Amino acid sequence: MCVIAGLGLSVGTIAIDKAFDYELVPEWISGGPDAALEILGTVAASMVSLAALVLTITMVVVQLAMGQFSPRIVQRILQDKPSQLAIGVFVGTFAHAMLTLREVQTDGGGTVPGLAVLVAFILVVVSIMVLVWYVNHIGRKLRVSALIELVGTDTRNLLDTLYPDAGAPRRFERPTICAPHSGVVTRVDYRALVRIAEEADCTLNLLPALGEFVPAGAALFEVEGARERLDSKAALDCVDSGLERTLDQDLAYGLRMLVDIAERSLAESPFLDPTTAVQAIDRLHDCLRQMAPRPFPDGRHRDDHGVERLITRVMTWDDYVHLAFDEIRLAGAGSPQIERRMRAALEDLLTIAPPDRKGSLQKQLDLLDSGSQDAMDHTIDRQRASRADTRGLG
C-alpha cells in the first residue's frame, strides 16, 4: 500500500507540474536538472539502505525473541504494524524518487518537476522521523513485559469475543472501587487521595501495594464511611498503572533489580560470574546501610486534622532484608566469594542497625553459616568462607 501510495504521489505531483509547465516551484527551491538528479538518486539509494536496516533489525529481534522468550511469539512480532509501516514509508519514498527521476530532463534548458522534488524532500524528513520512532518502538517492544502484554491483550480480546457474557458482577462485603483495567501499580498520589477522602468524609484502603499487579475488575480500594460522596473517578486517577514496575516510588524494585543481576550471574550457564554478584551485593549493602537507622512510614496517611484518610501496604525492614539476601544466599551457596561478601555486609549492618532490627540480620548470618556447612565438603573451604571480606576473595 505504501509503494502504491508513493507511485500515486509521484504521478500526481508530476501531473500538477506539467499543468503549470514546470514553473509551480521556483528553481532555487528544487535546484537545476543536475542537482535534482543528484538529490533524487541520493534519496532513492538512502531509502533502500534504510529499508534494509529495518528488515535487519526486525530479523535480529525475531531471533532474540525466539532464543530468550518463545519461538511461538515470532508470529506476533512479524505482524507488528509499526514495523511494517516503517518499511512501507521507506520503500514508498524510494518508489516516488525513482519515478520522479524519469521526468528530470537535462537537454536544452532542462526541466525539473519542482513539486515532485519538493515532495521528495518532505518524504525524506518524514522517513528520518519514522526511523527514530521505529528504533524507539522496537526497543520498547523487545522488553519481556511488552511481549507478555502483547500476547495477553490478544488473548483477552479473543476471550471477550468467544465468551461475551461476563456473568453476574461480583458482590463485595464492603463498598469497593474496582480497577478499570489491568496493570502494575507504578505510582500513587497520596496527597490527592487524602484530600479526596477528606472531602467525602471517608477512609480509603488501597489494597494492592506499589509494584503489585492488579487484574481488571479486581478490588483496588475499600471504602470505610460514606461512599455516596466519594469521587471514584478522581480516586482511580490517583493510581497509575503500567506494564512493569518503575523506580518512581517503588524502592523495593531497585533492590529487586540488583538481586536479579546477582542471581543471574550465579545461575547455571557456560560461565559463572561471582564478581558481578559481589558488585550487586555492594549496592545492596549500601542501600540497606542507609535504610537501617531510618524510621519507616506505617502506611497510614492523615489529613490536616489528624483524621486517618488513607491506608496503604508498605514494606518493613524485615521485608527488605529478606528481599536483599535470601535469593542471593541460596544461589551463591558454596561460593566462598559470595559468602564472604554477604558476611561482611551483614556484620557491618549489625553495627548500625537499631536493636529491634538486628534480629533479621542475625537470622541471615545463621542461615549463611548453615548453608555453608551443607554446601562445602572440606573444612578448609568452610573456614575460608566464614571470614568476612568486603571484596569477596580479593
Protein backbone atom coordinates (compact mmCIF):
# COMPACT_ATOMS: atom_id res chain seq x y z
CA MET A 1 0.00 0.00 0.00
CA CYS A 2 2.85 2.41 0.77
CA VAL A 3 4.53 1.61 -2.56
CA ILE A 4 1.28 2.27 -4.40
CA ALA A 5 0.85 5.50 -2.44
CA GLY A 6 4.41 6.57 -3.35
CA LEU A 7 3.81 5.84 -7.04
CA GLY A 8 0.47 7.64 -6.97
CA LEU A 9 2.04 10.64 -5.22
CA SER A 10 4.75 10.81 -7.88
CA VAL A 11 2.26 10.57 -10.76
CA GLY A 12 0.01 13.19 -9.17
CA THR A 13 2.75 15.71 -8.45
CA ILE A 14 4.27 15.27 -11.90
CA ALA A 15 0.85 15.87 -13.47
CA ILE A 16 0.48 19.09 -11.47
CA ASP A 17 3.97 20.19 -12.52
CA LYS A 18 3.09 19.58 -16.18
CA ALA A 19 -0.14 21.55 -15.81
CA PHE A 20 1.87 24.56 -14.59
CA ASP A 21 4.57 23.99 -17.24
CA TYR A 22 7.13 23.04 -14.52
CA GLU A 23 7.05 26.55 -13.06
CA LEU A 24 4.98 25.94 -9.90
CA VAL A 25 8.05 25.58 -7.67
CA PRO A 26 10.93 28.02 -8.29
CA GLU A 27 14.29 26.57 -9.27
CA TRP A 28 16.04 27.98 -6.19
CA ILE A 29 14.00 25.52 -4.11
CA SER A 30 14.14 22.41 -6.28
CA GLY A 31 17.54 23.08 -7.88
CA GLY A 32 18.54 22.69 -11.51
CA PRO A 33 18.30 19.47 -13.54
CA ASP A 34 21.71 18.20 -12.45
CA ALA A 35 21.02 18.98 -8.79
CA ALA A 36 17.57 17.35 -8.98
CA LEU A 37 19.08 14.18 -10.47
CA GLU A 38 21.68 14.05 -7.72
CA ILE A 39 19.13 14.66 -4.98
CA LEU A 40 16.62 12.09 -6.21
CA GLY A 41 19.35 9.50 -6.79
CA THR A 42 20.66 10.02 -3.25
CA VAL A 43 17.14 9.75 -1.83
CA ALA A 44 16.47 6.50 -3.69
CA ALA A 45 19.75 4.92 -2.57
CA SER A 46 19.34 6.01 1.06
CA MET A 47 15.79 4.68 1.24
CA VAL A 48 16.96 1.24 0.09
CA SER A 49 19.59 1.31 2.82
CA LEU A 50 17.04 2.32 5.47
CA ALA A 51 14.61 -0.41 4.38
CA ALA A 52 17.41 -2.97 4.58
CA LEU A 53 18.34 -1.67 8.05
CA VAL A 54 14.79 -2.01 9.33
CA LEU A 55 14.49 -5.52 7.91
CA THR A 56 17.80 -6.47 9.54
CA ILE A 57 16.72 -5.10 12.92
CA THR A 58 13.41 -6.94 12.64
CA MET A 59 15.17 -10.24 11.91
CA VAL A 60 17.52 -9.71 14.87
CA VAL A 61 14.54 -9.01 17.13
CA VAL A 62 12.86 -12.20 15.89
CA GLN A 63 15.97 -14.26 16.63
CA LEU A 64 16.35 -12.76 20.10
CA ALA A 65 12.69 -13.37 20.86
CA MET A 66 12.96 -16.99 19.72
CA GLY A 67 16.03 -17.63 21.87
CA GLN A 68 15.09 -15.73 25.02
CA PHE A 69 11.31 -15.94 25.21
CA SER A 70 9.48 -18.40 22.97
CA PRO A 71 9.57 -19.49 19.31
CA ARG A 72 5.79 -19.19 19.28
CA ILE A 73 5.87 -15.44 19.81
CA VAL A 74 7.57 -14.80 16.45
CA GLN A 75 4.25 -14.72 14.61
CA ARG A 76 3.06 -11.74 16.66
CA ILE A 77 6.31 -9.84 16.09
CA LEU A 78 6.11 -10.34 12.32
CA GLN A 79 2.56 -8.96 12.41
CA ASP A 80 3.72 -5.78 14.12
CA LYS A 81 2.09 -2.90 12.21
CA PRO A 82 4.62 -0.16 13.17
CA SER A 83 7.47 -2.25 11.73
CA GLN A 84 5.52 -2.81 8.53
CA LEU A 85 4.73 0.92 8.34
CA ALA A 86 8.39 1.88 8.73
CA ILE A 87 9.43 -0.39 5.86
CA GLY A 88 6.49 0.86 3.80
CA VAL A 89 7.41 4.53 4.23
CA PHE A 90 10.99 3.87 3.11
CA VAL A 91 10.09 1.82 0.03
CA GLY A 92 7.27 4.25 -0.81
CA THR A 93 9.73 7.14 -0.74
CA PHE A 94 12.08 5.06 -2.92
CA ALA A 95 9.31 4.44 -5.46
CA HIS A 96 8.43 8.14 -5.55
CA ALA A 97 12.06 9.18 -6.10
CA MET A 98 12.65 6.59 -8.84
CA LEU A 99 9.54 7.55 -10.80
CA THR A 100 10.31 11.26 -10.45
CA LEU A 101 13.82 10.71 -11.85
CA ARG A 102 12.28 9.92 -15.27
CA GLU A 103 10.79 13.40 -15.55
CA VAL A 104 14.02 15.31 -15.00
CA GLN A 105 15.35 16.42 -18.39
CA THR A 106 18.85 17.85 -18.89
CA ASP A 107 18.59 18.51 -22.65
CA GLY A 108 18.23 22.09 -23.79
CA GLY A 109 17.14 24.36 -20.99
CA GLY A 110 16.21 21.31 -18.89
CA THR A 111 13.00 20.61 -16.97
CA VAL A 112 12.58 19.85 -13.31
CA PRO A 113 9.30 18.64 -11.73
CA GLY A 114 9.73 21.02 -8.81
CA LEU A 115 6.67 19.93 -6.85
CA ALA A 116 7.68 16.25 -7.07
CA VAL A 117 11.20 17.13 -5.90
CA LEU A 118 9.78 19.19 -3.04
CA VAL A 119 7.58 16.26 -2.00
CA ALA A 120 10.69 14.05 -2.06
CA PHE A 121 12.33 16.46 0.40
CA ILE A 122 9.31 16.18 2.68
CA LEU A 123 9.29 12.37 2.44
CA VAL A 124 12.97 12.28 3.43
CA VAL A 125 12.22 14.30 6.58
CA VAL A 126 9.27 12.01 7.33
CA SER A 127 11.49 8.95 6.80
CA ILE A 128 14.08 10.25 9.28
CA MET A 129 11.33 10.81 11.87
CA VAL A 130 9.93 7.33 11.21
CA LEU A 131 13.40 5.79 11.62
CA VAL A 132 13.90 7.41 15.04
CA TRP A 133 10.36 6.44 16.08
CA TYR A 134 10.89 2.86 14.87
CA VAL A 135 14.14 2.38 16.80
CA ASN A 136 12.40 3.62 19.96
CA HIS A 137 9.40 1.40 19.26
CA ILE A 138 11.40 -1.78 18.68
CA GLY A 139 13.45 -1.15 21.81
CA ARG A 140 10.28 -0.89 23.88
CA LYS A 141 8.68 -3.84 22.14
CA LEU A 142 11.59 -6.15 22.92
CA ARG A 143 11.04 -5.82 26.68
CA VAL A 144 9.68 -9.01 28.18
CA SER A 145 6.79 -7.10 29.76
CA ALA A 146 5.78 -5.69 26.37
CA LEU A 147 5.86 -9.13 24.73
CA ILE A 148 3.83 -10.63 27.55
CA GLU A 149 1.35 -7.76 27.32
CA LEU A 150 1.11 -8.23 23.55
CA VAL A 151 0.10 -11.87 23.84
CA GLY A 152 -2.04 -11.24 26.92
CA THR A 153 -4.02 -8.45 25.28
CA ASP A 154 -4.71 -10.54 22.17
CA THR A 155 -5.79 -13.46 24.33
CA ARG A 156 -8.04 -11.22 26.41
CA ASN A 157 -9.68 -9.80 23.27
CA LEU A 158 -10.29 -13.31 21.94
CA LEU A 159 -11.74 -14.30 25.30
CA ASP A 160 -14.21 -11.40 25.15
CA THR A 161 -15.20 -12.49 21.63
CA LEU A 162 -15.70 -16.18 22.41
CA TYR A 163 -17.31 -15.63 25.82
CA PRO A 164 -19.07 -12.25 25.61
CA ASP A 165 -21.23 -12.86 28.68
CA ALA A 166 -19.23 -11.50 31.63
CA GLY A 167 -21.58 -13.15 34.13
CA ALA A 168 -23.02 -11.63 37.27
CA PRO A 169 -20.93 -8.86 38.83
CA ARG A 170 -19.06 -9.80 41.98
CA ARG A 171 -20.53 -8.62 45.25
CA PHE A 172 -18.13 -7.31 47.89
CA GLU A 173 -18.64 -7.28 51.64
CA ARG A 174 -17.56 -3.62 51.86
CA PRO A 175 -18.00 -0.68 49.50
CA THR A 176 -15.30 -1.22 46.89
CA ILE A 177 -13.80 0.58 43.90
CA CYS A 178 -12.53 -1.86 41.25
CA ALA A 179 -9.64 -1.42 38.82
CA PRO A 180 -10.94 -0.47 35.36
CA HIS A 181 -8.05 -2.21 33.61
CA SER A 182 -5.15 -4.48 34.46
CA GLY A 183 -1.61 -3.32 35.17
CA VAL A 184 1.17 -2.97 37.71
CA VAL A 185 0.74 -0.19 40.27
CA THR A 186 3.61 2.19 39.48
CA ARG A 187 2.69 5.44 41.23
CA VAL A 188 0.21 6.64 43.87
CA ASP A 189 -0.70 10.28 44.57
CA TYR A 190 -1.10 10.01 48.33
CA ARG A 191 -1.87 13.67 49.00
CA ALA A 192 -4.61 13.78 46.39
CA LEU A 193 -6.20 10.59 47.79
CA VAL A 194 -6.16 12.06 51.32
CA ARG A 195 -7.85 15.21 50.02
CA ILE A 196 -10.48 13.22 48.10
CA ALA A 197 -11.23 11.06 51.15
CA GLU A 198 -11.43 14.15 53.38
CA GLU A 199 -13.93 15.81 51.05
CA ALA A 200 -16.08 12.66 51.11
CA ASP A 201 -15.58 12.17 54.88
CA CYS A 202 -14.41 8.58 54.50
CA THR A 203 -11.28 6.44 54.68
CA LEU A 204 -9.74 4.72 51.66
CA ASN A 205 -7.87 1.44 51.95
CA LEU A 206 -5.59 0.90 48.95
CA LEU A 207 -5.42 -2.89 48.71
CA PRO A 208 -2.50 -3.54 46.29
CA ALA A 209 0.99 -2.39 47.18
CA LEU A 210 3.33 -0.50 44.90
CA GLY A 211 4.67 -2.84 42.23
CA GLU A 212 1.79 -5.28 42.56
CA PHE A 213 -0.15 -6.48 39.51
CA VAL A 214 -3.88 -5.77 39.60
CA PRO A 215 -6.22 -7.66 37.21
CA ALA A 216 -9.05 -5.77 35.55
CA GLY A 217 -12.12 -5.75 37.79
CA ALA A 218 -10.18 -6.62 40.95
CA ALA A 219 -10.72 -4.59 44.11
CA LEU A 220 -8.48 -1.53 44.20
CA PHE A 221 -9.96 0.47 47.10
CA GLU A 222 -12.11 -0.43 50.05
CA VAL A 223 -14.13 2.49 51.40
CA GLU A 224 -14.87 2.94 55.07
CA GLY A 225 -17.59 5.53 55.63
CA ALA A 226 -19.90 7.34 53.25
CA ARG A 227 -19.35 6.05 49.70
CA GLU A 228 -22.01 8.29 48.14
CA ARG A 229 -19.96 11.49 48.24
CA LEU A 230 -16.72 9.90 47.10
CA ASP A 231 -15.45 10.84 43.62
CA SER A 232 -14.47 7.36 42.44
CA LYS A 233 -13.06 8.51 39.12
CA ALA A 234 -10.78 11.04 40.81
CA ALA A 235 -9.57 8.33 43.20
CA LEU A 236 -8.80 5.97 40.30
CA ASP A 237 -6.88 8.72 38.50
CA CYS A 238 -4.56 8.97 41.53
CA VAL A 239 -3.25 5.43 40.95
CA ASP A 240 -1.09 4.95 37.85
CA SER A 241 -0.54 1.52 36.36
CA GLY A 242 1.76 0.25 33.62
CA LEU A 243 3.28 -2.83 32.03
CA GLU A 244 6.05 -3.18 34.60
CA ARG A 245 7.37 -1.77 37.85
CA THR A 246 9.29 1.52 37.89
CA LEU A 247 11.59 3.35 40.28
CA ASP A 248 9.31 6.38 40.58
CA GLN A 249 8.13 5.41 44.09
CA ASP A 250 8.88 1.69 44.33
CA LEU A 251 12.08 1.38 46.37
CA ALA A 252 11.80 -2.40 46.54
CA TYR A 253 12.02 -2.58 42.74
CA GLY A 254 15.54 -1.14 42.84
CA LEU A 255 16.61 -3.86 45.26
CA ARG A 256 14.76 -6.41 43.14
CA MET A 257 16.79 -5.48 40.06
CA LEU A 258 20.08 -5.71 41.95
CA VAL A 259 19.11 -9.15 43.25
CA ASP A 260 18.16 -10.25 39.73
CA ILE A 261 21.56 -9.16 38.41
CA ALA A 262 23.36 -11.08 41.16
CA GLU A 263 21.20 -14.16 40.80
CA ARG A 264 21.58 -14.23 37.03
CA SER A 265 25.36 -14.05 37.32
CA LEU A 266 25.27 -17.07 39.63
CA ALA A 267 22.84 -19.15 37.57
CA GLU A 268 23.90 -22.24 35.68
CA SER A 269 25.42 -21.05 32.40
CA PRO A 270 28.53 -21.57 30.26
CA PHE A 271 30.36 -19.44 32.85
CA LEU A 272 29.62 -18.09 36.29
CA ASP A 273 30.38 -14.51 37.23
CA PRO A 274 30.53 -14.17 41.03
CA THR A 275 32.34 -10.84 40.77
CA THR A 276 29.24 -9.30 39.22
CA ALA A 277 27.21 -10.71 42.11
CA VAL A 278 29.67 -9.12 44.57
CA GLN A 279 29.19 -5.76 42.86
CA ALA A 280 25.42 -6.13 43.23
CA ILE A 281 25.84 -7.02 46.92
CA ASP A 282 27.97 -3.87 47.31
CA ARG A 283 24.99 -1.75 46.21
CA LEU A 284 22.52 -3.73 48.29
CA HIS A 285 24.77 -3.27 51.31
CA ASP A 286 24.95 0.47 50.68
CA CYS A 287 21.17 0.83 50.30
CA LEU A 288 20.38 -1.17 53.43
CA ARG A 289 23.02 0.71 55.40
CA GLN A 290 21.27 3.98 54.58
CA MET A 291 17.89 2.49 55.46
CA ALA A 292 18.85 0.77 58.72
CA PRO A 293 18.64 3.75 61.13
CA ARG A 294 15.74 5.50 59.40
CA PRO A 295 12.11 5.28 60.58
CA PHE A 296 9.70 3.68 58.10
CA PRO A 297 6.18 5.01 57.37
CA ASP A 298 3.33 2.89 58.66
CA GLY A 299 1.20 3.33 55.55
CA ARG A 300 -1.44 5.41 57.31
CA HIS A 301 -1.99 8.87 55.86
CA ARG A 302 -3.90 11.55 57.78
CA ASP A 303 -5.41 14.89 56.85
CA ASP A 304 -4.53 18.24 58.45
CA HIS A 305 -6.84 17.47 61.38
CA GLY A 306 -5.14 14.17 62.17
CA VAL A 307 -8.00 12.02 60.85
CA GLU A 308 -6.89 8.82 59.11
CA ARG A 309 -7.94 9.04 55.46
CA LEU A 310 -5.79 6.56 53.52
CA ILE A 311 -4.33 3.15 54.39
CA THR A 312 -1.67 1.55 52.19
CA ARG A 313 0.53 -1.53 52.37
CA VAL A 314 4.21 -0.82 52.97
CA MET A 315 7.44 -2.79 53.20
CA THR A 316 9.03 -3.39 56.59
CA TRP A 317 12.73 -3.65 57.46
CA ASP A 318 12.47 -7.44 57.62
CA ASP A 319 10.90 -7.47 54.14
CA TYR A 320 13.81 -5.51 52.69
CA VAL A 321 16.40 -7.76 54.37
CA HIS A 322 14.75 -10.91 53.02
CA LEU A 323 14.48 -9.35 49.56
CA ALA A 324 18.14 -8.34 49.51
CA PHE A 325 19.74 -11.54 50.81
CA ASP A 326 17.53 -14.64 50.62
CA GLU A 327 17.80 -15.45 46.92
CA ILE A 328 21.46 -14.48 46.59
CA ARG A 329 22.31 -16.59 49.64
CA LEU A 330 20.62 -19.62 48.09
CA ALA A 331 22.03 -19.06 44.59
CA GLY A 332 25.55 -18.44 45.91
CA ALA A 333 25.64 -21.33 48.36
CA GLY A 334 29.04 -22.97 48.07
CA SER A 335 30.74 -19.90 46.63
CA PRO A 336 33.35 -18.56 49.09
CA GLN A 337 33.39 -15.20 47.33
CA ILE A 338 29.65 -14.64 47.75
CA GLU A 339 29.52 -15.89 51.32
CA ARG A 340 32.46 -13.74 52.45
CA ARG A 341 30.96 -10.61 50.88
CA MET A 342 27.50 -11.26 52.33
CA ARG A 343 29.00 -11.91 55.75
CA ALA A 344 30.88 -8.61 55.62
CA ALA A 345 27.69 -6.77 54.67
CA LEU A 346 25.60 -8.39 57.41
CA GLU A 347 28.20 -7.86 60.12
CA ASP A 348 28.53 -4.20 59.17
CA LEU A 349 24.75 -3.73 59.18
CA LEU A 350 24.57 -5.25 62.66
CA THR A 351 26.85 -2.49 63.96
CA ILE A 352 24.50 0.32 62.93
CA ALA A 353 21.02 -1.25 62.98
CA PRO A 354 18.70 -0.41 65.91
CA PRO A 355 18.14 -3.27 68.39
CA ASP A 356 14.69 -4.10 67.01
CA ARG A 357 16.17 -4.56 63.52
CA LYS A 358 19.12 -6.79 64.40
CA GLY A 359 17.08 -9.99 64.56
CA SER A 360 16.54 -10.40 60.82
CA LEU A 361 20.22 -9.65 60.13
CA GLN A 362 21.41 -12.21 62.68
CA LYS A 363 19.00 -14.74 61.18
CA GLN A 364 20.62 -14.21 57.77
CA LEU A 365 24.05 -14.82 59.30
CA ASP A 366 22.83 -18.03 60.91
CA LEU A 367 21.36 -19.21 57.60
CA LEU A 368 24.61 -18.31 55.86
CA ASP A 369 26.56 -20.49 58.29
CA SER A 370 24.11 -23.34 57.89
CA GLY A 371 24.22 -23.13 54.09
CA SER A 372 28.00 -23.12 54.11
CA GLN A 373 28.09 -26.29 56.19
CA ASP A 374 25.74 -28.05 53.76
CA ALA A 375 27.31 -26.82 50.50
CA MET A 376 31.02 -27.27 51.29
CA ASP A 377 32.56 -30.65 51.95
CA HIS A 378 36.01 -29.59 53.14
CA THR A 379 36.71 -27.91 56.46
CA ILE A 380 39.28 -25.52 54.97
CA ASP A 381 36.69 -24.22 52.50
CA ARG A 382 34.18 -23.65 55.26
CA GLN A 383 36.79 -21.82 57.32
CA ARG A 384 37.70 -19.51 54.45
CA ALA A 385 34.04 -18.81 53.73
CA SER A 386 33.44 -17.89 57.37
CA ARG A 387 35.75 -14.86 57.13
CA ALA A 388 34.14 -11.58 56.24
CA ASP A 389 35.69 -9.82 53.24
CA THR A 390 34.26 -6.73 51.54
CA ARG A 391 36.00 -7.81 48.31
CA GLY A 392 34.83 -11.40 48.38
CA LEU A 393 38.11 -13.12 47.68
CA GLY A 394 40.16 -10.09 46.71
